[in-house]
Amino acid sequence: MSNEKKATFGAGCFWCVEAVFQRVEGVKSVVSGYSGGRKDEASYRIVSTGETNHAEVVQITYDPEVISYDDLLYIFWRTHDPTTLNRQGADVGPQYRSVVFYHDDFQRERAEHYKKKLDESGVFDDPIVTEVSALDAFYEAEDYHQNYFERNPDQGYCQMVIRPKLDKFKSLFEDKLRDEYRPE
């Protein structure tokens, strides 16, 4: 019987976050979607207006015997800029905010602990603005958003924005890479 758990993170465009976590050993699946908004539904059309307060997120299903929640948090903090409010690179608006949506008290405590520890460490020049909120609902994004980088590796956004994030991830977390993504 499987001991799978879920984690939900927002760190800008979900295409970038999805591509990073798909490469992590112990991650079973990564689904792009929306969380944190004021409506009981979400779609790219309404979320992209920035008016619903949903964030683009990924919901990760992982095996905690292979990868810990703390390791997932560490990857999350290091693969985006948690100091920019409602922005990652050229993507601007509340839908691109840095956010940890926790599933239980353990995840809340770990996210708040690491946020405080990182802020106090001075690793970042500016204060961390990452939101830590309870997961209320997760709305799966449209099919064309799923597995985006894998299906569109030569697309301009993938080459200019996602590829550099993946290169950074690989250099920082080679020990966490799935075998098929390890350098030969």
C-alpha atoms as a PDB file:
ATOM      1  CA  MET A   1       0.000   0.000   0.000  1.00  0.00           C
ATOM      2  CA  SER A   2       1.277   3.431  -0.952  1.00  0.00           C
ATOM      3  CA  ASN A   3       2.138   6.118   1.578  1.00  0.00           C
ATOM      4  CA  GLU A   4       1.654   9.062  -0.770  1.00  0.00           C
ATOM      5  CA  LYS A   5       1.272  12.641   0.438  1.00  0.00           C
ATOM      6  CA  LYS A   6       0.440  15.925  -1.303  1.00  0.00           C
ATOM      7  CA  ALA A   7       2.093  19.338  -1.320  1.00  0.00           C
ATOM      8  CA  THR A   8       0.813  22.474  -3.073  1.00  0.00           C
ATOM      9  CA  PHE A   9       3.133  25.322  -4.071  1.00  0.00           C
ATOM     10  CA  GLY A  10       2.867  28.486  -6.125  1.00  0.00           C
ATOM     11  CA  ALA A  11       6.043  30.120  -7.410  1.00  0.00           C
ATOM     12  CA  GLY A  12       5.085  32.073 -10.503  1.00  0.00           C
ATOM     13  CA  CYS A  13       3.965  30.417 -13.705  1.00  0.00           C
ATOM     14  CA  PHE A  14       2.919  26.849 -12.989  1.00  0.00           C
ATOM     15  CA  TRP A  15       4.693  25.621 -16.137  1.00  0.00           C
ATOM     16  CA  CYS A  16       8.053  26.397 -14.503  1.00  0.00           C
ATOM     17  CA  VAL A  17       7.196  24.894 -11.136  1.00  0.00           C
ATOM     18  CA  GLU A  18       5.719  21.787 -12.751  1.00  0.00           C
ATOM     19  CA  ALA A  19       8.844  21.171 -14.840  1.00  0.00           C
ATOM     20  CA  VAL A  20      11.119  21.432 -11.781  1.00  0.00           C
ATOM     21  CA  PHE A  21       9.158  19.078  -9.537  1.00  0.00           C
ATOM     22  CA  GLN A  22       8.595  16.518 -12.309  1.00  0.00           C
ATOM     23  CA  ARG A  23      12.347  15.908 -12.154  1.00  0.00           C
ATOM     24  CA  VAL A  24      12.470  15.168  -8.411  1.00  0.00           C
ATOM     25  CA  GLU A  25      13.033  11.579  -7.299  1.00  0.00           C
ATOM     26  CA  GLY A  26      10.105  10.444  -5.160  1.00  0.00           C
ATOM     27  CA  VAL A  27       7.581  12.733  -6.822  1.00  0.00           C
ATOM     28  CA  LYS A  28       4.791  10.597  -8.274  1.00  0.00           C
ATOM     29  CA  SER A  29       2.847  13.314 -10.100  1.00  0.00           C
ATOM     30  CA  VAL A  30       2.663  17.060 -10.574  1.00  0.00           C
ATOM     31  CA  VAL A  31      -0.617  18.681 -11.585  1.00  0.00           C
ATOM     32  CA  SER A  32      -0.904  22.344 -12.543  1.00  0.00           C
ATOM     33  CA  GLY A  33      -3.895  24.198 -11.148  1.00  0.00           C
ATOM     34  CA  TYR A  34      -5.283  27.095  -9.156  1.00  0.00           C
ATOM     35  CA  SER A  35      -5.786  27.702  -5.414  1.00  0.00           C
ATOM     36  CA  GLY A  36      -6.458  30.488  -2.975  1.00  0.00           C
ATOM     37  CA  GLY A  37      -9.150  32.425  -4.787  1.00  0.00           C
ATOM     38  CA  ARG A  38     -12.485  33.911  -3.874  1.00  0.00           C
ATOM     39  CA  LYS A  39     -14.576  31.987  -6.389  1.00  0.00           C
ATOM     40  CA  ASP A  40     -15.779  28.423  -6.168  1.00  0.00           C
ATOM     41  CA  GLU A  41     -14.315  27.703  -9.571  1.00  0.00           C
ATOM     42  CA  ALA A  42     -11.181  28.556 -11.462  1.00  0.00           C
ATOM     43  CA  SER A  43     -10.049  28.559 -15.062  1.00  0.00           C
ATOM     44  CA  TYR A  44      -7.161  30.182 -16.847  1.00  0.00           C
ATOM     45  CA  ARG A  45      -9.540  32.722 -18.364  1.00  0.00           C
ATOM     46  CA  ILE A  46     -10.748  34.047 -14.994  1.00  0.00           C
ATOM     47  CA  VAL A  47      -7.546  33.529 -12.991  1.00  0.00           C
ATOM     48  CA  SER A  48      -5.392  35.385 -15.530  1.00  0.00           C
ATOM     49  CA  THR A  49      -7.395  38.554 -14.896  1.00  0.00           C
ATOM     50  CA  GLY A  50      -5.787  38.703 -11.438  1.00  0.00           C
ATOM     51  CA  GLU A  51      -9.174  39.571  -9.958  1.00  0.00           C
ATOM     52  CA  THR A  52     -10.082  36.227  -8.311  1.00  0.00           C
ATOM     53  CA  ASN A  53      -6.987  36.043  -6.066  1.00  0.00           C
ATOM     54  CA  HIS A  54      -6.275  32.483  -7.205  1.00  0.00           C
ATOM     55  CA  ALA A  55      -2.614  31.597  -7.613  1.00  0.00           C
ATOM     56  CA  GLU A  56      -1.166  29.385 -10.307  1.00  0.00           C
ATOM     57  CA  VAL A  57       0.053  26.376  -8.320  1.00  0.00           C
ATOM     58  CA  VAL A  58       1.193  22.807  -8.668  1.00  0.00           C
ATOM     59  CA  GLN A  59      -0.119  19.973  -6.570  1.00  0.00           C
ATOM     60  CA  ILE A  60       2.584  17.401  -5.995  1.00  0.00           C
ATOM     61  CA  THR A  61       1.937  13.800  -5.018  1.00  0.00           C
ATOM     62  CA  TYR A  62       5.077  12.358  -3.453  1.00  0.00           C
ATOM     63  CA  ASP A  63       6.419   9.390  -1.530  1.00  0.00           C
ATOM     64  CA  PRO A  64       7.668  10.673   1.861  1.00  0.00           C
ATOM     65  CA  GLU A  65       9.894   7.597   2.192  1.00  0.00           C
ATOM     66  CA  VAL A  66      11.864   8.827  -0.837  1.00  0.00           C
ATOM     67  CA  ILE A  67      11.593  12.639  -0.593  1.00  0.00           C
ATOM     68  CA  SER A  68      10.629  14.539   2.536  1.00  0.00           C
ATOM     69  CA  TYR A  69       8.327  17.536   2.742  1.00  0.00           C
ATOM     70  CA  ASP A  70      11.293  19.518   4.064  1.00  0.00           C
ATOM     71  CA  ASP A  71      13.274  18.632   0.923  1.00  0.00           C
ATOM     72  CA  LEU A  72      10.353  19.724  -1.261  1.00  0.00           C
ATOM     73  CA  LEU A  73      10.214  23.019   0.636  1.00  0.00           C
ATOM     74  CA  TYR A  74      13.956  23.490   0.192  1.00  0.00           C
ATOM     75  CA  ILE A  75      13.637  22.957  -3.565  1.00  0.00           C
ATOM     76  CA  PHE A  76      10.669  25.358  -3.623  1.00  0.00           C
ATOM     77  CA  TRP A  77      12.587  28.137  -1.807  1.00  0.00           C
ATOM     78  CA  ARG A  78      15.713  27.780  -3.969  1.00  0.00           C
ATOM     79  CA  THR A  79      14.103  27.613  -7.417  1.00  0.00           C
ATOM     80  CA  HIS A  80      12.196  30.903  -7.388  1.00  0.00           C
ATOM     81  CA  ASP A  81      12.451  34.378  -5.864  1.00  0.00           C
ATOM     82  CA  PRO A  82      10.380  34.376  -2.662  1.00  0.00           C
ATOM     83  CA  THR A  83      11.073  38.099  -2.094  1.00  0.00           C
ATOM     84  CA  THR A  84       9.006  39.551  -4.937  1.00  0.00           C
ATOM     85  CA  LEU A  85       5.364  40.274  -4.188  1.00  0.00           C
ATOM     86  CA  ASN A  86       2.955  39.046  -6.863  1.00  0.00           C
ATOM     87  CA  ARG A  87       5.696  38.581  -9.410  1.00  0.00           C
ATOM     88  CA  GLN A  88       8.168  36.107 -10.852  1.00  0.00           C
ATOM     89  CA  GLY A  89      10.250  37.590 -13.641  1.00  0.00           C
ATOM     90  CA  ALA A  90       7.985  39.083 -16.304  1.00  0.00           C
ATOM     91  CA  ASP A  91       4.889  37.366 -14.862  1.00  0.00           C
ATOM     92  CA  VAL A  92       3.075  39.966 -12.745  1.00  0.00           C
ATOM     93  CA  GLY A  93      -0.117  39.743 -10.708  1.00  0.00           C
ATOM     94  CA  PRO A  94      -1.444  37.958  -7.611  1.00  0.00           C
ATOM     95  CA  GLN A  95      -1.851  34.782  -9.656  1.00  0.00           C
ATOM     96  CA  TYR A  96       1.982  34.565  -9.788  1.00  0.00           C
ATOM     97  CA  ARG A  97       2.627  35.024  -6.066  1.00  0.00           C
ATOM     98  CA  SER A  98       4.920  32.884  -3.974  1.00  0.00           C
ATOM     99  CA  VAL A  99       2.739  30.677  -1.772  1.00  0.00           C
ATOM    100  CA  VAL A 100       2.742  27.462   0.205  1.00  0.00           C
ATOM    101  CA  PHE A 101      -0.742  26.017   0.586  1.00  0.00           C
ATOM    102  CA  TYR A 102      -0.456  23.623   3.495  1.00  0.00           C
ATOM    103  CA  HIS A 103      -2.512  20.454   3.787  1.00  0.00           C
ATOM    104  CA  ASP A 104      -2.122  19.950   7.550  1.00  0.00           C
ATOM    105  CA  ASP A 105      -0.557  21.440  10.688  1.00  0.00           C
ATOM    106  CA  PHE A 106       2.759  19.681  10.064  1.00  0.00           C
ATOM    107  CA  GLN A 107       3.132  21.344   6.654  1.00  0.00           C
ATOM    108  CA  ARG A 108       2.099  24.731   8.083  1.00  0.00           C
ATOM    109  CA  GLU A 109       4.677  24.469  10.871  1.00  0.00           C
ATOM    110  CA  ARG A 110       7.473  23.391   8.499  1.00  0.00           C
ATOM    111  CA  ALA A 111       6.689  26.135   5.957  1.00  0.00           C
ATOM    112  CA  GLU A 112       6.556  28.851   8.634  1.00  0.00           C
ATOM    113  CA  HIS A 113       9.720  27.488  10.260  1.00  0.00           C
ATOM    114  CA  TYR A 114      11.721  27.538   7.025  1.00  0.00           C
ATOM    115  CA  LYS A 115      10.373  30.914   5.975  1.00  0.00           C
ATOM    116  CA  LYS A 116      11.464  32.425   9.301  1.00  0.00           C
ATOM    117  CA  LYS A 117      14.814  30.637   9.254  1.00  0.00           C
ATOM    118  CA  LEU A 118      15.564  31.790   5.698  1.00  0.00           C
ATOM    119  CA  ASP A 119      14.514  35.359   6.474  1.00  0.00           C
ATOM    120  CA  GLU A 120      16.786  35.458   9.527  1.00  0.00           C
ATOM    121  CA  SER A 121      19.704  33.899   7.636  1.00  0.00           C
ATOM    122  CA  GLY A 122      20.115  36.828   5.258  1.00  0.00           C
ATOM    123  CA  VAL A 123      20.312  34.494   2.261  1.00  0.00           C
ATOM    124  CA  PHE A 124      18.059  36.923   0.429  1.00  0.00           C
ATOM    125  CA  ASP A 125      18.689  40.672   0.302  1.00  0.00           C
ATOM    126  CA  ASP A 126      14.981  41.433   0.749  1.00  0.00           C
ATOM    127  CA  PRO A 127      12.382  39.981   3.128  1.00  0.00           C
ATOM    128  CA  ILE A 128      10.576  36.819   2.069  1.00  0.00           C
ATOM    129  CA  VAL A 129       6.979  37.603   1.098  1.00  0.00           C
ATOM    130  CA  THR A 130       5.859  34.022   0.516  1.00  0.00           C
ATOM    131  CA  GLU A 131       2.310  33.475   1.730  1.00  0.00           C
ATOM    132  CA  VAL A 132       1.662  30.429   3.933  1.00  0.00           C
ATOM    133  CA  SER A 133      -2.048  29.559   3.806  1.00  0.00           C
ATOM    134  CA  ALA A 134      -4.326  26.603   4.373  1.00  0.00           C
ATOM    135  CA  LEU A 135      -5.351  24.797   1.222  1.00  0.00           C
ATOM    136  CA  ASP A 136      -9.039  25.402   0.760  1.00  0.00           C
ATOM    137  CA  ALA A 137      -9.525  24.023  -2.736  1.00  0.00           C
ATOM    138  CA  PHE A 138      -7.426  22.944  -5.679  1.00  0.00           C
ATOM    139  CA  TYR A 139      -8.767  23.354  -9.206  1.00  0.00           C
ATOM    140  CA  GLU A 140      -6.948  21.419 -11.894  1.00  0.00           C
ATOM    141  CA  ALA A 141      -5.852  23.591 -14.806  1.00  0.00           C
ATOM    142  CA  GLU A 142      -6.928  22.930 -18.363  1.00  0.00           C
ATOM    143  CA  ASP A 143      -5.332  19.985 -20.197  1.00  0.00           C
ATOM    144  CA  TYR A 144      -3.142  22.202 -22.375  1.00  0.00           C
ATOM    145  CA  HIS A 145      -1.366  23.476 -19.237  1.00  0.00           C
ATOM    146  CA  GLN A 146      -0.452  19.989 -18.011  1.00  0.00           C
ATOM    147  CA  ASN A 147       3.044  18.664 -18.707  1.00  0.00           C
ATOM    148  CA  TYR A 148       3.665  21.870 -20.639  1.00  0.00           C
ATOM    149  CA  PHE A 149       7.452  21.892 -20.871  1.00  0.00           C
ATOM    150  CA  GLU A 150       7.661  18.219 -21.831  1.00  0.00           C
ATOM    151  CA  ARG A 151       5.167  18.760 -24.654  1.00  0.00           C
ATOM    152  CA  ASN A 152       6.599  22.124 -25.825  1.00  0.00           C
ATOM    153  CA  PRO A 153      10.363  22.136 -25.141  1.00  0.00           C
ATOM    154  CA  ASP A 154      11.196  24.293 -28.173  1.00  0.00           C
ATOM    155  CA  GLN A 155       8.547  26.951 -27.481  1.00  0.00           C
ATOM    156  CA  GLY A 156      10.077  30.391 -26.742  1.00  0.00           C
ATOM    157  CA  TYR A 157       8.872  30.681 -23.120  1.00  0.00           C
ATOM    158  CA  CYS A 158      10.156  27.188 -22.426  1.00  0.00           C
ATOM    159  CA  GLN A 159      13.595  27.999 -23.816  1.00  0.00           C
ATOM    160  CA  MET A 160      13.950  31.489 -22.317  1.00  0.00           C
ATOM    161  CA  VAL A 161      12.303  31.019 -18.902  1.00  0.00           C
ATOM    162  CA  ILE A 162      11.827  27.359 -17.993  1.00  0.00           C
ATOM    163  CA  ARG A 163      15.092  25.921 -19.348  1.00  0.00           C
ATOM    164  CA  PRO A 164      17.285  28.243 -17.177  1.00  0.00           C
ATOM    165  CA  LYS A 165      15.219  27.283 -14.085  1.00  0.00           C
ATOM    166  CA  LEU A 166      15.757  23.624 -14.879  1.00  0.00           C
ATOM    167  CA  ASP A 167      19.480  24.169 -15.353  1.00  0.00           C
ATOM    168  CA  LYS A 168      19.627  25.924 -11.967  1.00  0.00           C
ATOM    169  CA  PHE A 169      17.625  23.133 -10.347  1.00  0.00           C
ATOM    170  CA  LYS A 170      19.906  20.458 -11.808  1.00  0.00           C
ATOM    171  CA  SER A 171      23.038  22.247 -10.606  1.00  0.00           C
ATOM    172  CA  LEU A 172      21.673  22.744  -7.075  1.00  0.00           C
ATOM    173  CA  PHE A 173      19.894  19.425  -6.618  1.00  0.00           C
ATOM    174  CA  GLU A 174      21.702  16.801  -8.679  1.00  0.00           C
ATOM    175  CA  ASP A 175      21.288  14.360  -5.786  1.00  0.00           C
ATOM    176  CA  LYS A 176      17.476  14.771  -5.946  1.00  0.00           C
ATOM    177  CA  LEU A 177      17.134  14.165  -9.701  1.00  0.00           C
ATOM    178  CA  ARG A 178      15.205  11.237 -11.126  1.00  0.00           C
ATOM    179  CA  ASP A 179      17.547   8.853 -12.913  1.00  0.00           C
ATOM    180  CA  GLU A 180      16.253   9.799 -16.374  1.00  0.00           C
ATOM    181  CA  TYR A 181      17.300  13.439 -15.801  1.00  0.00           C
ATOM    182  CA  ARG A 182      20.778  12.770 -14.415  1.00  0.00           C
ATOM    183  CA  PRO A 183      23.745  13.804 -16.543  1.00  0.00           C
ATOM    184  CA  GLU A 184      25.391  10.841 -18.220  1.00  0.00           C
END
